[in-house]
Amino acid sequence: MALTMHPSLAVHPGIWLKSEIIDSNGIAIGALAKAFGVSRQSVSAILNGRSALSADMAIRFEKLFDVRADTLCRMQTAFDLAQARTREKDIKVDKRQLAA
C-alpha cells in the first residue's frame, strides 16, 4: 500500500523560500532578481506561489543561499502532485484502449 501525503502538507518551494529566507533576511525582491539576472516579475511569481520553480532557478537559489537545488525541486514536484491529487477524480483514462 502506498503512502499518500495530504495536499495541505505540500508547500510551494517559492512560498517556503520567501518566508524562511527572503523575508526573514529582509531581502528585496528587486535586489534578488538583479542578483539572479532575471526579471523582478519572475522572482515575485515564484515567491508568491504563482509560478513553478524551475531547475535553473533552483540552482540560482542554491548558489546564493546554500539551499540544495534538488531539495527545492523535490518540494516543487511534491507540491505539483498534491495539486493534481485534488483533481484526481477529474482525470480520466481508458484502459480498454491498450487492448486494441
Protein backbone atom coordinates (compact mmCIF):
# COMPACT_ATOMS: atom_id res chain seq x y z
CA MET A 1 0.00 0.00 0.00
CA ALA A 2 1.40 3.39 -0.99
CA LEU A 3 1.51 6.23 1.49
CA THR A 4 -0.05 9.46 0.34
CA MET A 5 0.62 12.94 1.60
CA HIS A 6 -2.28 15.17 2.43
CA PRO A 7 -2.29 18.10 -0.05
CA SER A 8 -2.15 20.63 2.78
CA LEU A 9 1.32 19.34 3.75
CA ALA A 10 2.86 20.12 0.37
CA VAL A 11 4.33 23.62 0.38
CA HIS A 12 5.25 25.53 -2.77
CA PRO A 13 9.03 26.00 -2.62
CA GLY A 14 8.73 29.68 -3.51
CA ILE A 15 6.46 30.36 -0.56
CA TRP A 16 8.84 28.46 1.71
CA LEU A 17 11.85 30.38 0.35
CA LYS A 18 10.04 33.67 0.84
CA SER A 19 9.08 33.04 4.44
CA GLU A 20 12.22 31.24 5.60
CA ILE A 21 14.96 33.08 3.71
CA ILE A 22 13.89 36.17 1.80
CA ASP A 23 11.56 37.89 4.30
CA SER A 24 13.47 36.78 7.39
CA ASN A 25 16.66 38.32 5.98
CA GLY A 26 14.99 41.49 4.70
CA ILE A 27 15.97 40.85 1.09
CA ALA A 28 14.16 42.95 -1.52
CA ILE A 29 12.68 41.07 -4.47
CA GLY A 30 14.21 43.59 -6.88
CA ALA A 31 17.68 43.04 -5.42
CA LEU A 32 17.21 39.28 -5.60
CA ALA A 33 16.09 39.49 -9.23
CA LYS A 34 19.13 41.60 -10.05
CA ALA A 35 21.45 39.09 -8.36
CA PHE A 36 19.81 36.27 -10.35
CA GLY A 37 19.86 38.20 -13.64
CA VAL A 38 16.11 37.73 -14.15
CA SER A 39 13.05 39.96 -14.04
CA ARG A 40 11.50 41.07 -10.77
CA GLN A 41 8.16 39.72 -12.01
CA SER A 42 9.51 36.20 -12.46
CA VAL A 43 11.02 36.15 -8.96
CA SER A 44 7.83 37.60 -7.46
CA ALA A 45 5.67 34.98 -9.21
CA ILE A 46 7.79 32.16 -7.80
CA LEU A 47 7.99 33.57 -4.27
CA ASN A 48 4.23 34.10 -4.19
CA GLY A 49 3.47 30.60 -5.50
CA ARG A 50 2.04 31.74 -8.84
CA SER A 51 4.80 30.08 -10.91
CA ALA A 52 6.63 26.81 -10.56
CA LEU A 53 10.26 26.81 -9.52
CA SER A 54 12.36 25.62 -12.46
CA ALA A 55 15.58 23.63 -12.08
CA ASP A 56 17.56 26.65 -13.33
CA MET A 57 16.01 28.91 -10.72
CA ALA A 58 16.56 26.27 -8.02
CA ILE A 59 20.26 26.32 -8.89
CA ARG A 60 20.29 30.11 -8.56
CA PHE A 61 18.82 29.81 -5.05
CA GLU A 62 21.35 27.11 -4.23
CA LYS A 63 24.27 29.27 -5.35
CA LEU A 64 23.07 32.31 -3.42
CA PHE A 65 21.67 30.76 -0.25
CA ASP A 66 23.27 27.29 0.00
CA VAL A 67 19.90 25.53 -0.05
CA ARG A 68 20.06 22.35 -2.14
CA ALA A 69 18.52 22.70 -5.60
CA ASP A 70 17.45 19.06 -5.58
CA THR A 71 15.55 19.63 -2.33
CA LEU A 72 13.76 22.61 -3.86
CA CYS A 73 12.93 20.59 -6.98
CA ARG A 74 11.53 17.76 -4.84
CA MET A 75 9.40 20.31 -2.99
CA GLN A 76 8.05 21.57 -6.32
CA THR A 77 7.27 18.04 -7.50
CA ALA A 78 5.51 17.19 -4.22
CA PHE A 79 3.50 20.41 -4.46
CA ASP A 80 2.54 19.75 -8.10
CA LEU A 81 1.49 16.18 -7.32
CA ALA A 82 -0.56 17.28 -4.32
CA GLN A 83 -2.35 19.81 -6.51
CA ALA A 84 -3.02 17.15 -9.16
CA ARG A 85 -4.35 14.76 -6.50
CA THR A 86 -7.02 17.31 -5.60
CA ARG A 87 -8.27 16.98 -9.20
CA GLU A 88 -7.67 13.22 -9.46
CA LYS A 89 -11.37 12.35 -9.87
CA ASP A 90 -11.48 14.52 -13.00
CA ILE A 91 -8.53 12.74 -14.64
CA LYS A 92 -9.91 10.04 -16.90
CA VAL A 93 -8.10 7.16 -18.58
CA ASP A 94 -9.49 4.30 -20.65
CA LYS A 95 -7.51 1.08 -20.14
CA ARG A 96 -9.52 -0.61 -22.88
CA GLN A 97 -7.66 1.48 -25.46
CA LEU A 98 -4.49 -0.51 -24.73
CA ALA A 99 -6.16 -3.80 -25.67
CA ALA A 100 -6.91 -2.69 -29.22
